[in-house]
Amino acid sequence: MEARVKVITVEGLWTPDDLGTFLGIPVKTLRDWRFKGYGPQWLRLGKHVRYDPETVRQWIDSLNASTEAA
């Protein structure tokens, strides 16, 4: 009998503290960015703000691409 193994990697959503640590910026800056409509896309789950890590990485890549084009 052959066993099949399926490996699934699940990365949870990031809190503003998680993202601040990842980017090396204060949480207050993230709050200001949300208010101004800047920064990575975010989700509101009830009263909680969360960020999808993949969306954050795509946002960083887009910043990098726009910098290289300039």
N, C-alpha and C. Protein backbone atom coordinates (compact mmCIF):
# COMPACT_ATOMS: atom_id res chain seq x y z
N MET A 1 0.84 -1.17 0.00
CA MET A 1 0.00 0.00 0.00
C MET A 1 0.89 1.24 0.00
N GLU A 2 0.55 2.20 -0.84
CA GLU A 2 1.33 3.43 -0.96
C GLU A 2 0.65 4.54 -0.17
N ALA A 3 1.41 5.19 0.67
CA ALA A 3 0.87 6.30 1.47
C ALA A 3 1.11 7.61 0.74
N ARG A 4 0.12 8.46 0.75
CA ARG A 4 0.27 9.79 0.15
C ARG A 4 0.25 10.82 1.28
N VAL A 5 1.17 11.73 1.19
CA VAL A 5 1.27 12.77 2.19
C VAL A 5 1.09 14.11 1.50
N LYS A 6 0.19 14.90 2.02
CA LYS A 6 -0.03 16.23 1.49
C LYS A 6 0.41 17.23 2.55
N VAL A 7 1.35 18.07 2.18
CA VAL A 7 1.87 19.06 3.11
C VAL A 7 1.24 20.40 2.77
N ILE A 8 0.64 21.00 3.76
CA ILE A 8 0.01 22.30 3.58
C ILE A 8 0.67 23.28 4.54
N THR A 9 1.12 24.38 4.00
CA THR A 9 1.70 25.43 4.82
C THR A 9 0.68 26.54 4.96
N VAL A 10 0.35 26.86 6.17
CA VAL A 10 -0.61 27.92 6.43
C VAL A 10 0.06 28.99 7.28
N GLU A 11 0.08 30.17 6.74
CA GLU A 11 0.63 31.29 7.49
C GLU A 11 -0.54 32.16 7.90
N GLY A 12 -0.69 32.39 9.16
CA GLY A 12 -1.81 33.17 9.66
C GLY A 12 -1.73 34.63 9.28
N LEU A 13 -2.79 35.34 9.52
CA LEU A 13 -2.82 36.77 9.28
C LEU A 13 -1.97 37.49 10.33
N TRP A 14 -1.39 38.61 9.92
CA TRP A 14 -0.54 39.37 10.82
C TRP A 14 -1.33 40.46 11.52
N THR A 15 -1.00 40.70 12.77
CA THR A 15 -1.53 41.84 13.50
C THR A 15 -0.70 43.07 13.11
N PRO A 16 -1.17 44.27 13.45
CA PRO A 16 -0.32 45.45 13.22
C PRO A 16 1.03 45.34 13.93
N ASP A 17 1.06 44.74 15.12
CA ASP A 17 2.35 44.53 15.81
C ASP A 17 3.27 43.63 14.99
N ASP A 18 2.71 42.55 14.42
CA ASP A 18 3.50 41.64 13.59
C ASP A 18 4.08 42.39 12.38
N LEU A 19 3.22 43.17 11.72
CA LEU A 19 3.67 43.88 10.52
C LEU A 19 4.68 44.96 10.88
N GLY A 20 4.45 45.65 11.98
CA GLY A 20 5.42 46.65 12.41
C GLY A 20 6.79 46.04 12.66
N THR A 21 6.80 44.88 13.28
CA THR A 21 8.06 44.17 13.51
C THR A 21 8.70 43.75 12.18
N PHE A 22 7.89 43.22 11.28
CA PHE A 22 8.38 42.77 9.97
C PHE A 22 8.99 43.93 9.18
N LEU A 23 8.32 45.09 9.18
CA LEU A 23 8.80 46.23 8.42
C LEU A 23 9.78 47.10 9.19
N GLY A 24 9.83 46.91 10.51
CA GLY A 24 10.71 47.73 11.33
C GLY A 24 10.19 49.15 11.51
N ILE A 25 8.87 49.30 11.59
CA ILE A 25 8.27 50.62 11.76
C ILE A 25 7.27 50.58 12.92
N PRO A 26 6.97 51.73 13.51
CA PRO A 26 6.02 51.76 14.63
C PRO A 26 4.59 51.44 14.18
N VAL A 27 3.82 50.89 15.08
CA VAL A 27 2.42 50.57 14.81
C VAL A 27 1.64 51.86 14.51
N LYS A 28 2.02 52.96 15.15
CA LYS A 28 1.36 54.24 14.90
C LYS A 28 1.50 54.64 13.42
N THR A 29 2.63 54.37 12.82
CA THR A 29 2.83 54.67 11.41
C THR A 29 1.85 53.86 10.56
N LEU A 30 1.66 52.60 10.90
CA LEU A 30 0.70 51.77 10.17
C LEU A 30 -0.71 52.33 10.30
N ARG A 31 -1.06 52.79 11.49
CA ARG A 31 -2.38 53.40 11.72
C ARG A 31 -2.53 54.65 10.85
N ASP A 32 -1.50 55.47 10.79
CA ASP A 32 -1.53 56.67 9.96
C ASP A 32 -1.67 56.30 8.48
N TRP A 33 -0.94 55.28 8.05
CA TRP A 33 -1.04 54.82 6.66
C TRP A 33 -2.46 54.38 6.33
N ARG A 34 -3.09 53.62 7.24
CA ARG A 34 -4.46 53.16 6.99
C ARG A 34 -5.39 54.35 6.83
N PHE A 35 -5.24 55.35 7.69
CA PHE A 35 -6.07 56.54 7.64
C PHE A 35 -5.88 57.29 6.32
N LYS A 36 -4.64 57.33 5.82
CA LYS A 36 -4.32 58.05 4.59
C LYS A 36 -4.53 57.22 3.33
N GLY A 37 -4.85 55.93 3.50
CA GLY A 37 -5.06 55.07 2.33
C GLY A 37 -3.77 54.59 1.70
N TYR A 38 -2.70 54.59 2.46
CA TYR A 38 -1.40 54.15 1.98
C TYR A 38 -1.06 52.82 2.66
N GLY A 39 -0.06 52.15 2.13
CA GLY A 39 0.42 50.92 2.75
C GLY A 39 -0.26 49.69 2.19
N PRO A 40 0.08 48.54 2.74
CA PRO A 40 -0.50 47.29 2.23
C PRO A 40 -1.98 47.20 2.57
N GLN A 41 -2.69 46.46 1.73
CA GLN A 41 -4.11 46.24 1.96
C GLN A 41 -4.31 45.56 3.30
N TRP A 42 -5.36 45.93 4.01
CA TRP A 42 -5.62 45.37 5.33
C TRP A 42 -7.07 44.91 5.41
N LEU A 43 -7.33 44.09 6.41
CA LEU A 43 -8.67 43.54 6.62
C LEU A 43 -9.15 43.94 8.00
N ARG A 44 -10.44 44.15 8.12
CA ARG A 44 -11.02 44.38 9.44
C ARG A 44 -11.87 43.16 9.77
N LEU A 45 -11.51 42.49 10.84
CA LEU A 45 -12.25 41.33 11.33
C LEU A 45 -12.87 41.74 12.66
N GLY A 46 -14.12 42.18 12.60
CA GLY A 46 -14.73 42.74 13.79
C GLY A 46 -14.02 44.03 14.14
N LYS A 47 -13.47 44.11 15.33
CA LYS A 47 -12.73 45.31 15.72
C LYS A 47 -11.22 45.16 15.50
N HIS A 48 -10.81 44.07 14.90
CA HIS A 48 -9.39 43.78 14.74
C HIS A 48 -8.91 44.06 13.32
N VAL A 49 -7.74 44.64 13.19
CA VAL A 49 -7.09 44.88 11.90
C VAL A 49 -6.08 43.78 11.67
N ARG A 50 -6.11 43.20 10.47
CA ARG A 50 -5.17 42.13 10.13
C ARG A 50 -4.61 42.36 8.72
N TYR A 51 -3.44 41.80 8.48
CA TYR A 51 -2.77 41.89 7.19
C TYR A 51 -2.46 40.49 6.70
N ASP A 52 -2.68 40.26 5.40
CA ASP A 52 -2.31 39.00 4.78
C ASP A 52 -0.84 39.08 4.40
N PRO A 53 0.00 38.19 4.91
CA PRO A 53 1.44 38.27 4.63
C PRO A 53 1.77 38.28 3.14
N GLU A 54 1.06 37.52 2.34
CA GLU A 54 1.33 37.48 0.90
C GLU A 54 1.01 38.83 0.26
N THR A 55 -0.07 39.46 0.68
CA THR A 55 -0.43 40.77 0.16
C THR A 55 0.62 41.81 0.56
N VAL A 56 1.13 41.70 1.77
CA VAL A 56 2.19 42.61 2.23
C VAL A 56 3.42 42.44 1.35
N ARG A 57 3.80 41.21 1.08
CA ARG A 57 4.99 40.96 0.24
C ARG A 57 4.79 41.49 -1.17
N GLN A 58 3.58 41.34 -1.71
CA GLN A 58 3.29 41.87 -3.04
C GLN A 58 3.38 43.39 -3.04
N TRP A 59 2.89 44.03 -1.99
CA TRP A 59 2.96 45.48 -1.87
C TRP A 59 4.43 45.93 -1.84
N ILE A 60 5.26 45.23 -1.08
CA ILE A 60 6.68 45.56 -1.03
C ILE A 60 7.32 45.40 -2.40
N ASP A 61 6.98 44.31 -3.10
CA ASP A 61 7.50 44.09 -4.45
C ASP A 61 7.08 45.22 -5.39
N SER A 62 5.85 45.70 -5.25
CA SER A 62 5.39 46.79 -6.13
C SER A 62 6.15 48.07 -5.84
N LEU A 63 6.50 48.32 -4.58
CA LEU A 63 7.32 49.49 -4.25
C LEU A 63 8.69 49.36 -4.88
N ASN A 64 9.25 48.17 -4.79
CA ASN A 64 10.56 47.92 -5.35
C ASN A 64 10.54 48.09 -6.86
N ALA A 65 9.49 47.59 -7.51
CA ALA A 65 9.38 47.70 -8.96
C ALA A 65 9.24 49.16 -9.40
N SER A 66 8.46 49.96 -8.65
CA SER A 66 8.30 51.37 -9.01
C SER A 66 9.59 52.16 -8.77
N THR A 67 10.37 51.75 -7.81
CA THR A 67 11.66 52.41 -7.55
C THR A 67 12.65 52.10 -8.65
N GLU A 68 12.64 50.86 -9.13
CA GLU A 68 13.56 50.46 -10.19
C GLU A 68 13.21 51.15 -11.51
N ALA A 69 11.93 51.43 -11.74
CA ALA A 69 11.49 52.06 -12.98
C ALA A 69 11.84 53.54 -13.01
N ALA A 70 12.03 54.13 -11.84
CA ALA A 70 12.31 55.58 -11.77
C ALA A 70 13.73 55.92 -12.13
